[in-house]
Amino acid sequence: MSIPLRVPTLLACTITLCACASSLEEAYVPAEFAGSASAFEADSTLQADERAIYLAALAYASPESSSYDPNRAIHLLERLLTLHPRSRYANHARYIHQLLGEVDRLDTLATEATEERDSLAAELAGEREQVEALQEDLWELTVRADAHEAIAMSLRREILQRDARIRQLEDELSALKKIDLNRPLTR
């Protein structure tokens, strides 16, 4: 159970304890949660005792207990309500049962949210890797395009130079033809 969910549970247990009769308050010592739970489990004569079931359920329901086990607490509270529906602890047992059910529901939601967050984080990491790969490809293509553009510009300059040289040679050829045509024929 996550820390934020334990705080409301602890507060709920504290409120419940404050509402209990004074004899129960004296018998219920938070520092002895683990001992209470162990004693209950070890003594089969306590398994049907309404007060023992209730105290053991509180020990299992309390997040500060080393014997914290909300599922076991729910089971014991259900047993208490089944065996002793009119017990002086019945109302408290129903309330704690509801709280533990809500805590379990919220834990499930938190787990699902965490799993979804982790899944989305993994998906995002994959997408980032893909973006990085595409950026590298884009960079490589940009470098190639720049190189091809430089080659194209060089070829354009060369074409212009050759065109100029061809015009120059054509002009020289025309001049030579005129000279040749103007020259008298010698036999």
N, C-alpha and C. Protein backbone atom coordinates (compact mmCIF):
# COMPACT_ATOMS: atom_id res chain seq x y z
N MET A 1 0.86 -1.17 0.00
CA MET A 1 0.00 0.00 0.00
C MET A 1 0.90 1.23 0.00
N SER A 2 0.56 2.22 -0.79
CA SER A 2 1.39 3.40 -0.87
C SER A 2 1.20 4.27 0.37
N ILE A 3 2.20 5.10 0.65
CA ILE A 3 2.18 5.96 1.83
C ILE A 3 0.96 6.88 1.83
N PRO A 4 0.61 7.55 0.69
CA PRO A 4 -0.54 8.44 0.73
C PRO A 4 -1.84 7.72 1.10
N LEU A 5 -1.97 6.46 0.75
CA LEU A 5 -3.20 5.73 1.08
C LEU A 5 -3.18 5.23 2.52
N ARG A 6 -2.02 5.08 3.09
CA ARG A 6 -1.94 4.62 4.48
C ARG A 6 -2.40 5.69 5.45
N VAL A 7 -2.15 6.95 5.12
CA VAL A 7 -2.52 8.04 6.02
C VAL A 7 -4.03 8.06 6.26
N PRO A 8 -4.87 8.03 5.21
CA PRO A 8 -6.31 8.02 5.48
C PRO A 8 -6.74 6.77 6.25
N THR A 9 -6.11 5.65 5.97
CA THR A 9 -6.46 4.42 6.68
C THR A 9 -6.12 4.56 8.16
N LEU A 10 -4.94 5.09 8.43
CA LEU A 10 -4.52 5.28 9.81
C LEU A 10 -5.47 6.24 10.52
N LEU A 11 -5.85 7.32 9.83
CA LEU A 11 -6.79 8.26 10.43
C LEU A 11 -8.13 7.59 10.70
N ALA A 12 -8.57 6.79 9.76
CA ALA A 12 -9.85 6.09 9.94
C ALA A 12 -9.80 5.16 11.13
N CYS A 13 -8.68 4.43 11.25
CA CYS A 13 -8.54 3.51 12.39
C CYS A 13 -8.50 4.30 13.70
N THR A 14 -7.82 5.44 13.69
CA THR A 14 -7.74 6.26 14.89
C THR A 14 -9.12 6.78 15.28
N ILE A 15 -9.88 7.25 14.30
CA ILE A 15 -11.24 7.73 14.57
C ILE A 15 -12.09 6.60 15.13
N THR A 16 -11.94 5.43 14.54
CA THR A 16 -12.71 4.27 14.99
C THR A 16 -12.33 3.93 16.43
N LEU A 17 -11.04 3.97 16.71
CA LEU A 17 -10.60 3.65 18.07
C LEU A 17 -11.12 4.66 19.08
N CYS A 18 -11.16 5.92 18.67
CA CYS A 18 -11.66 6.95 19.59
C CYS A 18 -13.14 6.75 19.89
N ALA A 19 -13.85 6.17 18.95
CA ALA A 19 -15.28 5.96 19.14
C ALA A 19 -15.59 4.71 19.96
N CYS A 20 -14.59 3.87 20.20
CA CYS A 20 -14.80 2.61 20.92
C CYS A 20 -14.99 2.86 22.42
N ALA A 21 -15.55 1.88 23.08
CA ALA A 21 -15.76 1.96 24.53
C ALA A 21 -14.42 2.02 25.24
N SER A 22 -14.38 2.59 26.43
CA SER A 22 -13.13 2.78 27.16
C SER A 22 -12.44 1.46 27.49
N SER A 23 -13.18 0.39 27.77
CA SER A 23 -12.53 -0.89 28.07
C SER A 23 -11.79 -1.42 26.84
N LEU A 24 -12.36 -1.17 25.68
CA LEU A 24 -11.68 -1.60 24.45
C LEU A 24 -10.43 -0.76 24.23
N GLU A 25 -10.52 0.54 24.51
CA GLU A 25 -9.36 1.40 24.36
C GLU A 25 -8.21 0.92 25.24
N GLU A 26 -8.52 0.48 26.43
CA GLU A 26 -7.48 0.00 27.34
C GLU A 26 -6.89 -1.32 26.85
N ALA A 27 -7.70 -2.15 26.27
CA ALA A 27 -7.23 -3.46 25.82
C ALA A 27 -6.47 -3.37 24.51
N TYR A 28 -6.75 -2.35 23.72
CA TYR A 28 -6.15 -2.23 22.39
C TYR A 28 -4.92 -1.33 22.49
N VAL A 29 -3.75 -1.93 22.48
CA VAL A 29 -2.50 -1.17 22.58
C VAL A 29 -1.80 -1.23 21.22
N PRO A 30 -1.72 -0.10 20.51
CA PRO A 30 -1.16 -0.11 19.17
C PRO A 30 0.25 -0.71 19.08
N ALA A 31 1.05 -0.55 20.09
CA ALA A 31 2.42 -1.08 20.05
C ALA A 31 2.43 -2.60 20.05
N GLU A 32 1.31 -3.21 20.42
CA GLU A 32 1.27 -4.66 20.50
C GLU A 32 0.41 -5.29 19.40
N PHE A 33 0.31 -4.60 18.25
CA PHE A 33 -0.48 -5.13 17.13
C PHE A 33 -0.04 -6.54 16.75
N ALA A 34 1.25 -6.70 16.51
CA ALA A 34 1.75 -7.99 16.06
C ALA A 34 1.47 -9.07 17.10
N GLY A 35 1.65 -8.71 18.37
CA GLY A 35 1.38 -9.67 19.44
C GLY A 35 -0.09 -10.03 19.50
N SER A 36 -0.97 -9.03 19.31
CA SER A 36 -2.41 -9.29 19.33
C SER A 36 -2.80 -10.24 18.20
N ALA A 37 -2.27 -9.98 17.02
CA ALA A 37 -2.59 -10.83 15.87
C ALA A 37 -2.05 -12.24 16.07
N SER A 38 -0.83 -12.34 16.56
CA SER A 38 -0.22 -13.66 16.79
C SER A 38 -0.99 -14.44 17.85
N ALA A 39 -1.36 -13.76 18.95
CA ALA A 39 -2.09 -14.41 20.03
C ALA A 39 -3.45 -14.90 19.52
N PHE A 40 -4.10 -14.10 18.70
CA PHE A 40 -5.39 -14.49 18.16
C PHE A 40 -5.25 -15.74 17.27
N GLU A 41 -4.26 -15.73 16.40
CA GLU A 41 -4.07 -16.86 15.48
C GLU A 41 -3.67 -18.14 16.23
N ALA A 42 -2.94 -17.96 17.33
CA ALA A 42 -2.43 -19.13 18.07
C ALA A 42 -3.48 -19.78 18.96
N ASP A 43 -4.46 -19.02 19.41
CA ASP A 43 -5.44 -19.53 20.37
C ASP A 43 -6.78 -19.79 19.67
N SER A 44 -7.10 -21.04 19.44
CA SER A 44 -8.33 -21.40 18.73
C SER A 44 -9.59 -21.03 19.51
N THR A 45 -9.48 -20.83 20.82
CA THR A 45 -10.65 -20.45 21.61
C THR A 45 -11.07 -19.02 21.30
N LEU A 46 -10.17 -18.22 20.76
CA LEU A 46 -10.48 -16.81 20.44
C LEU A 46 -11.15 -16.66 19.08
N GLN A 47 -11.13 -17.70 18.27
CA GLN A 47 -11.60 -17.61 16.89
C GLN A 47 -13.09 -17.25 16.76
N ALA A 48 -13.86 -17.49 17.80
CA ALA A 48 -15.29 -17.16 17.74
C ALA A 48 -15.64 -16.01 18.68
N ASP A 49 -14.69 -15.53 19.47
CA ASP A 49 -14.93 -14.44 20.42
C ASP A 49 -15.02 -13.11 19.67
N GLU A 50 -16.15 -12.42 19.83
CA GLU A 50 -16.38 -11.20 19.06
C GLU A 50 -15.32 -10.12 19.32
N ARG A 51 -14.96 -9.94 20.58
CA ARG A 51 -13.95 -8.92 20.92
C ARG A 51 -12.60 -9.31 20.36
N ALA A 52 -12.23 -10.58 20.47
CA ALA A 52 -10.93 -11.05 19.96
C ALA A 52 -10.87 -10.92 18.44
N ILE A 53 -11.95 -11.29 17.78
CA ILE A 53 -11.98 -11.15 16.32
C ILE A 53 -11.83 -9.68 15.93
N TYR A 54 -12.55 -8.81 16.64
CA TYR A 54 -12.51 -7.38 16.34
C TYR A 54 -11.11 -6.82 16.55
N LEU A 55 -10.49 -7.14 17.68
CA LEU A 55 -9.15 -6.63 17.97
C LEU A 55 -8.11 -7.17 16.98
N ALA A 56 -8.25 -8.44 16.63
CA ALA A 56 -7.33 -9.02 15.64
C ALA A 56 -7.53 -8.33 14.29
N ALA A 57 -8.77 -8.08 13.93
CA ALA A 57 -9.04 -7.38 12.67
C ALA A 57 -8.42 -5.99 12.68
N LEU A 58 -8.52 -5.29 13.82
CA LEU A 58 -7.89 -3.97 13.93
C LEU A 58 -6.38 -4.07 13.80
N ALA A 59 -5.80 -5.10 14.41
CA ALA A 59 -4.35 -5.29 14.31
C ALA A 59 -3.94 -5.51 12.85
N TYR A 60 -4.72 -6.31 12.13
CA TYR A 60 -4.40 -6.57 10.72
C TYR A 60 -4.73 -5.37 9.83
N ALA A 61 -5.68 -4.54 10.26
CA ALA A 61 -6.11 -3.39 9.45
C ALA A 61 -5.21 -2.17 9.62
N SER A 62 -4.43 -2.13 10.66
CA SER A 62 -3.63 -0.95 10.94
C SER A 62 -2.32 -0.95 10.15
N PRO A 63 -2.10 0.07 9.34
CA PRO A 63 -0.88 0.15 8.52
C PRO A 63 0.40 0.23 9.35
N GLU A 64 0.29 0.68 10.59
CA GLU A 64 1.50 0.79 11.41
C GLU A 64 1.88 -0.53 12.07
N SER A 65 1.08 -1.53 11.87
CA SER A 65 1.33 -2.84 12.46
C SER A 65 2.27 -3.66 11.59
N SER A 66 3.16 -4.40 12.23
CA SER A 66 4.03 -5.29 11.46
C SER A 66 3.23 -6.47 10.92
N SER A 67 2.04 -6.69 11.46
CA SER A 67 1.19 -7.78 10.97
C SER A 67 0.13 -7.24 10.00
N TYR A 68 0.38 -6.06 9.43
CA TYR A 68 -0.57 -5.42 8.52
C TYR A 68 -0.91 -6.36 7.36
N ASP A 69 -2.19 -6.66 7.24
CA ASP A 69 -2.69 -7.53 6.18
C ASP A 69 -4.17 -7.19 5.98
N PRO A 70 -4.46 -6.22 5.11
CA PRO A 70 -5.85 -5.77 4.95
C PRO A 70 -6.80 -6.88 4.51
N ASN A 71 -6.31 -7.82 3.70
CA ASN A 71 -7.19 -8.92 3.27
C ASN A 71 -7.59 -9.79 4.46
N ARG A 72 -6.64 -10.06 5.34
CA ARG A 72 -6.94 -10.85 6.55
C ARG A 72 -7.92 -10.06 7.43
N ALA A 73 -7.71 -8.75 7.54
CA ALA A 73 -8.61 -7.91 8.35
C ALA A 73 -10.03 -7.97 7.78
N ILE A 74 -10.16 -7.88 6.47
CA ILE A 74 -11.49 -7.95 5.84
C ILE A 74 -12.13 -9.30 6.15
N HIS A 75 -11.35 -10.37 6.02
CA HIS A 75 -11.88 -11.71 6.31
C HIS A 75 -12.38 -11.80 7.75
N LEU A 76 -11.60 -11.27 8.70
CA LEU A 76 -12.01 -11.32 10.11
C LEU A 76 -13.24 -10.45 10.37
N LEU A 77 -13.29 -9.29 9.75
CA LEU A 77 -14.46 -8.42 9.92
C LEU A 77 -15.71 -9.09 9.36
N GLU A 78 -15.56 -9.75 8.23
CA GLU A 78 -16.70 -10.49 7.67
C GLU A 78 -17.12 -11.63 8.59
N ARG A 79 -16.15 -12.30 9.20
CA ARG A 79 -16.47 -13.38 10.15
C ARG A 79 -17.20 -12.81 11.35
N LEU A 80 -16.72 -11.68 11.88
CA LEU A 80 -17.37 -11.03 13.02
C LEU A 80 -18.82 -10.68 12.68
N LEU A 81 -19.03 -10.10 11.51
CA LEU A 81 -20.39 -9.71 11.11
C LEU A 81 -21.28 -10.92 10.84
N THR A 82 -20.69 -12.02 10.42
CA THR A 82 -21.47 -13.23 10.20
C THR A 82 -21.83 -13.91 11.51
N LEU A 83 -20.82 -14.06 12.39
CA LEU A 83 -21.04 -14.76 13.66
C LEU A 83 -21.79 -13.90 14.68
N HIS A 84 -21.55 -12.61 14.66
CA HIS A 84 -22.11 -11.70 15.68
C HIS A 84 -22.67 -10.45 15.00
N PRO A 85 -23.74 -10.58 14.25
CA PRO A 85 -24.27 -9.43 13.51
C PRO A 85 -24.78 -8.30 14.40
N ARG A 86 -25.15 -8.63 15.66
CA ARG A 86 -25.65 -7.60 16.57
C ARG A 86 -24.62 -7.24 17.64
N SER A 87 -23.40 -7.57 17.41
CA SER A 87 -22.32 -7.29 18.35
C SER A 87 -22.16 -5.79 18.57
N ARG A 88 -21.62 -5.45 19.71
CA ARG A 88 -21.37 -4.02 19.96
C ARG A 88 -20.28 -3.50 19.02
N TYR A 89 -19.54 -4.41 18.38
CA TYR A 89 -18.48 -4.02 17.44
C TYR A 89 -18.96 -4.04 15.99
N ALA A 90 -20.19 -4.45 15.77
CA ALA A 90 -20.68 -4.64 14.40
C ALA A 90 -20.65 -3.36 13.57
N ASN A 91 -21.12 -2.25 14.13
CA ASN A 91 -21.11 -1.00 13.37
C ASN A 91 -19.70 -0.57 13.01
N HIS A 92 -18.81 -0.68 13.98
CA HIS A 92 -17.40 -0.33 13.72
C HIS A 92 -16.81 -1.29 12.69
N ALA A 93 -17.17 -2.55 12.81
CA ALA A 93 -16.65 -3.56 11.88
C ALA A 93 -17.12 -3.24 10.46
N ARG A 94 -18.38 -2.87 10.30
CA ARG A 94 -18.89 -2.51 8.96
C ARG A 94 -18.14 -1.29 8.41
N TYR A 95 -17.94 -0.32 9.26
CA TYR A 95 -17.25 0.91 8.85
C TYR A 95 -15.81 0.60 8.43
N ILE A 96 -15.10 -0.15 9.23
CA ILE A 96 -13.71 -0.50 8.90
C ILE A 96 -13.67 -1.37 7.65
N HIS A 97 -14.63 -2.28 7.53
CA HIS A 97 -14.72 -3.14 6.33
C HIS A 97 -14.88 -2.27 5.08
N GLN A 98 -15.76 -1.28 5.16
CA GLN A 98 -15.96 -0.37 4.03
C GLN A 98 -14.68 0.41 3.73
N LEU A 99 -14.04 0.90 4.78
CA LEU A 99 -12.79 1.64 4.59
C LEU A 99 -11.72 0.78 3.93
N LEU A 100 -11.58 -0.46 4.42
CA LEU A 100 -10.58 -1.35 3.84
C LEU A 100 -10.92 -1.69 2.39
N GLY A 101 -12.21 -1.85 2.11
CA GLY A 101 -12.64 -2.09 0.73
C GLY A 101 -12.31 -0.91 -0.16
N GLU A 102 -12.54 0.29 0.37
CA GLU A 102 -12.22 1.50 -0.40
C GLU A 102 -10.70 1.64 -0.59
N VAL A 103 -9.95 1.35 0.46
CA VAL A 103 -8.48 1.40 0.35
C VAL A 103 -8.02 0.39 -0.70
N ASP A 104 -8.60 -0.81 -0.68
CA ASP A 104 -8.23 -1.83 -1.67
C ASP A 104 -8.58 -1.35 -3.08
N ARG A 105 -9.75 -0.76 -3.23
CA ARG A 105 -10.17 -0.24 -4.54
C ARG A 105 -9.21 0.85 -5.01
N LEU A 106 -8.85 1.76 -4.09
CA LEU A 106 -7.93 2.84 -4.44
C LEU A 106 -6.53 2.31 -4.75
N ASP A 107 -6.11 1.28 -3.99
CA ASP A 107 -4.82 0.65 -4.29
C ASP A 107 -4.83 0.04 -5.68
N THR A 108 -5.94 -0.60 -6.02
CA THR A 108 -6.06 -1.20 -7.36
C THR A 108 -5.99 -0.12 -8.43
N LEU A 109 -6.72 0.98 -8.20
CA LEU A 109 -6.68 2.10 -9.15
C LEU A 109 -5.27 2.68 -9.25
N ALA A 110 -4.61 2.82 -8.09
CA ALA A 110 -3.25 3.36 -8.10
C ALA A 110 -2.30 2.43 -8.84
N THR A 111 -2.46 1.13 -8.62
CA THR A 111 -1.62 0.15 -9.32
C THR A 111 -1.86 0.22 -10.82
N GLU A 112 -3.14 0.28 -11.21
CA GLU A 112 -3.47 0.38 -12.63
C GLU A 112 -2.91 1.67 -13.23
N ALA A 113 -3.04 2.77 -12.48
CA ALA A 113 -2.52 4.05 -12.97
C ALA A 113 -1.00 3.99 -13.11
N THR A 114 -0.34 3.36 -12.13
CA THR A 114 1.11 3.22 -12.19
C THR A 114 1.52 2.37 -13.38
N GLU A 115 0.80 1.25 -13.59
CA GLU A 115 1.10 0.39 -14.73
C GLU A 115 0.88 1.13 -16.04
N GLU A 116 -0.20 1.89 -16.12
CA GLU A 116 -0.48 2.66 -17.33
C GLU A 116 0.59 3.73 -17.54
N ARG A 117 0.99 4.40 -16.44
CA ARG A 117 2.04 5.41 -16.54
C ARG A 117 3.34 4.77 -17.03
N ASP A 118 3.68 3.60 -16.45
CA ASP A 118 4.90 2.91 -16.86
C ASP A 118 4.83 2.48 -18.32
N SER A 119 3.65 2.01 -18.72
CA SER A 119 3.46 1.60 -20.12
C SER A 119 3.61 2.80 -21.05
N LEU A 120 2.98 3.91 -20.67
CA LEU A 120 3.09 5.12 -21.48
C LEU A 120 4.51 5.66 -21.50
N ALA A 121 5.20 5.55 -20.36
CA ALA A 121 6.60 6.00 -20.30
C ALA A 121 7.46 5.15 -21.23
N ALA A 122 7.21 3.84 -21.24
CA ALA A 122 7.96 2.96 -22.13
C ALA A 122 7.64 3.28 -23.59
N GLU A 123 6.36 3.51 -23.86
CA GLU A 123 5.95 3.88 -25.23
C GLU A 123 6.58 5.20 -25.64
N LEU A 124 6.59 6.15 -24.71
CA LEU A 124 7.20 7.45 -24.98
C LEU A 124 8.70 7.30 -25.23
N ALA A 125 9.35 6.45 -24.45
CA ALA A 125 10.79 6.23 -24.65
C ALA A 125 11.02 5.64 -26.04
N GLY A 126 10.17 4.70 -26.45
CA GLY A 126 10.28 4.13 -27.80
C GLY A 126 10.07 5.18 -28.87
N GLU A 127 9.08 6.04 -28.65
CA GLU A 127 8.81 7.11 -29.61
C GLU A 127 9.99 8.07 -29.68
N ARG A 128 10.58 8.37 -28.53
CA ARG A 128 11.74 9.27 -28.50
C ARG A 128 12.91 8.66 -29.26
N GLU A 129 13.12 7.35 -29.07
CA GLU A 129 14.19 6.68 -29.80
C GLU A 129 13.93 6.76 -31.30
N GLN A 130 12.67 6.56 -31.68
CA GLN A 130 12.31 6.63 -33.09
C GLN A 130 12.53 8.05 -33.63
N VAL A 131 12.17 9.05 -32.84
CA VAL A 131 12.38 10.44 -33.26
C VAL A 131 13.87 10.70 -33.42
N GLU A 132 14.68 10.23 -32.46
CA GLU A 132 16.13 10.42 -32.56
C GLU A 132 16.68 9.75 -33.81
N ALA A 133 16.21 8.54 -34.10
CA ALA A 133 16.66 7.84 -35.31
C ALA A 133 16.26 8.62 -36.55
N LEU A 134 15.02 9.13 -36.56
CA LEU A 134 14.56 9.92 -37.71
C LEU A 134 15.35 11.23 -37.83
N GLN A 135 15.70 11.82 -36.70
CA GLN A 135 16.51 13.04 -36.75
C GLN A 135 17.89 12.75 -37.31
N GLU A 136 18.47 11.61 -36.92
CA GLU A 136 19.77 11.22 -37.48
C GLU A 136 19.66 10.99 -38.98
N ASP A 137 18.58 10.31 -39.39
CA ASP A 137 18.36 10.09 -40.83
C ASP A 137 18.19 11.42 -41.56
N LEU A 138 17.42 12.32 -40.95
CA LEU A 138 17.20 13.63 -41.55
C LEU A 138 18.52 14.39 -41.67
N TRP A 139 19.34 14.32 -40.63
CA TRP A 139 20.64 15.00 -40.67
C TRP A 139 21.50 14.42 -41.81
N GLU A 140 21.52 13.10 -41.91
CA GLU A 140 22.29 12.45 -42.96
C GLU A 140 21.78 12.86 -44.34
N LEU A 141 20.45 12.87 -44.50
CA LEU A 141 19.87 13.29 -45.78
C LEU A 141 20.14 14.76 -46.07
N THR A 142 20.14 15.58 -45.04
CA THR A 142 20.44 17.00 -45.21
C THR A 142 21.87 17.18 -45.67
N VAL A 143 22.78 16.44 -45.05
CA VAL A 143 24.20 16.52 -45.45
C VAL A 143 24.34 16.07 -46.91
N ARG A 144 23.67 14.97 -47.26
CA ARG A 144 23.71 14.50 -48.65
C ARG A 144 23.13 15.53 -49.60
N ALA A 145 21.98 16.09 -49.22
CA ALA A 145 21.34 17.10 -50.07
C ALA A 145 22.26 18.30 -50.26
N ASP A 146 22.92 18.73 -49.19
CA ASP A 146 23.86 19.86 -49.30
C ASP A 146 25.00 19.51 -50.24
N ALA A 147 25.50 18.27 -50.11
CA ALA A 147 26.59 17.84 -50.99
C ALA A 147 26.12 17.80 -52.45
N HIS A 148 24.91 17.28 -52.67
CA HIS A 148 24.37 17.24 -54.03
C HIS A 148 24.13 18.65 -54.57
N GLU A 149 23.69 19.55 -53.72
CA GLU A 149 23.48 20.94 -54.13
C GLU A 149 24.80 21.58 -54.51
N ALA A 150 25.84 21.30 -53.73
CA ALA A 150 27.17 21.84 -54.06
C ALA A 150 27.65 21.29 -55.40
N ILE A 151 27.43 20.00 -55.63
CA ILE A 151 27.82 19.40 -56.91
C ILE A 151 27.02 20.03 -58.05
N ALA A 152 25.70 20.21 -57.83
CA ALA A 152 24.85 20.83 -58.85
C ALA A 152 25.32 22.24 -59.18
N MET A 153 25.67 23.01 -58.16
CA MET A 153 26.15 24.38 -58.40
C MET A 153 27.47 24.35 -59.16
N SER A 154 28.33 23.43 -58.80
CA SER A 154 29.60 23.30 -59.50
C SER A 154 29.37 22.94 -60.96
N LEU A 155 28.43 22.01 -61.20
CA LEU A 155 28.12 21.62 -62.57
C LEU A 155 27.50 22.78 -63.35
N ARG A 156 26.65 23.59 -62.70
CA ARG A 156 26.07 24.77 -63.37
C ARG A 156 27.17 25.75 -63.77
N ARG A 157 28.11 25.99 -62.85
CA ARG A 157 29.23 26.90 -63.17
C ARG A 157 30.03 26.36 -64.36
N GLU A 158 30.27 25.04 -64.31
CA GLU A 158 31.05 24.43 -65.40
C GLU A 158 30.29 24.53 -66.72
N ILE A 159 28.97 24.33 -66.67
CA ILE A 159 28.16 24.45 -67.89
C ILE A 159 28.23 25.88 -68.43
N LEU A 160 28.10 26.87 -67.51
CA LEU A 160 28.19 28.26 -67.94
C LEU A 160 29.55 28.57 -68.54
N GLN A 161 30.60 28.04 -67.92
CA GLN A 161 31.96 28.26 -68.45
C GLN A 161 32.10 27.59 -69.82
N ARG A 162 31.58 26.41 -69.98
CA ARG A 162 31.68 25.71 -71.26
C ARG A 162 30.84 26.42 -72.34
N ASP A 163 29.62 26.89 -71.90
CA ASP A 163 28.81 27.65 -72.85
C ASP A 163 29.57 28.90 -73.33
N ALA A 164 30.20 29.57 -72.37
CA ALA A 164 30.98 30.77 -72.73
C ALA A 164 32.14 30.39 -73.65
N ARG A 165 32.81 29.29 -73.36
CA ARG A 165 33.93 28.84 -74.20
C ARG A 165 33.44 28.44 -75.58
N ILE A 166 32.26 27.77 -75.65
CA ILE A 166 31.69 27.38 -76.94
C ILE A 166 31.36 28.64 -77.75
N ARG A 167 30.75 29.66 -77.12
CA ARG A 167 30.43 30.91 -77.83
C ARG A 167 31.71 31.56 -78.33
N GLN A 168 32.74 31.52 -77.45
CA GLN A 168 34.02 32.10 -77.84
C GLN A 168 34.59 31.35 -79.05
N LEU A 169 34.55 30.03 -79.02
CA LEU A 169 35.06 29.23 -80.13
C LEU A 169 34.22 29.43 -81.39
N GLU A 170 32.88 29.56 -81.20
CA GLU A 170 32.01 29.82 -82.36
C GLU A 170 32.35 31.17 -82.98
N ASP A 171 32.58 32.15 -82.09
CA ASP A 171 32.95 33.48 -82.60
C ASP A 171 34.28 33.40 -83.35
N GLU A 172 35.25 32.69 -82.77
CA GLU A 172 36.55 32.54 -83.44
C GLU A 172 36.39 31.80 -84.76
N LEU A 173 35.54 30.77 -84.78
CA LEU A 173 35.30 30.01 -86.00
C LEU A 173 34.66 30.90 -87.07
N SER A 174 33.69 31.70 -86.65
CA SER A 174 33.05 32.62 -87.60
C SER A 174 34.07 33.60 -88.16
N ALA A 175 34.93 34.09 -87.28
CA ALA A 175 35.96 35.05 -87.72
C ALA A 175 36.90 34.37 -88.71
N LEU A 176 37.27 33.12 -88.43
CA LEU A 176 38.17 32.39 -89.32
C LEU A 176 37.48 32.10 -90.65
N LYS A 177 36.20 31.80 -90.61
CA LYS A 177 35.46 31.56 -91.85
C LYS A 177 35.43 32.83 -92.71
N LYS A 178 35.22 33.96 -92.08
CA LYS A 178 35.18 35.23 -92.82
C LYS A 178 36.54 35.48 -93.46
N ILE A 179 37.56 35.23 -92.67
CA ILE A 179 38.91 35.42 -93.20
C ILE A 179 39.12 34.48 -94.38
N ASP A 180 38.70 33.28 -94.20
CA ASP A 180 38.89 32.28 -95.25
C ASP A 180 38.06 32.63 -96.48
N LEU A 181 36.87 33.15 -96.30
CA LEU A 181 36.02 33.49 -97.43
C LEU A 181 36.54 34.74 -98.13
N ASN A 182 37.14 35.58 -97.43
CA ASN A 182 37.65 36.82 -98.01
C ASN A 182 39.01 36.62 -98.67
N ARG A 183 39.59 35.60 -98.49
CA ARG A 183 40.90 35.34 -99.06
C ARG A 183 40.72 34.88 -100.51
N PRO A 184 41.60 35.38 -101.40
CA PRO A 184 41.47 34.98 -102.79
C PRO A 184 41.94 33.53 -102.97
N LEU A 185 41.37 32.96 -103.87
CA LEU A 185 41.70 31.56 -104.15
C LEU A 185 43.00 31.52 -104.95
N THR A 186 43.81 30.74 -104.54
CA THR A 186 45.08 30.57 -105.24
C THR A 186 45.15 29.16 -105.81
N ARG A 187 45.57 29.16 -107.01
CA ARG A 187 45.69 27.89 -107.69
C ARG A 187 47.03 27.59 -108.06
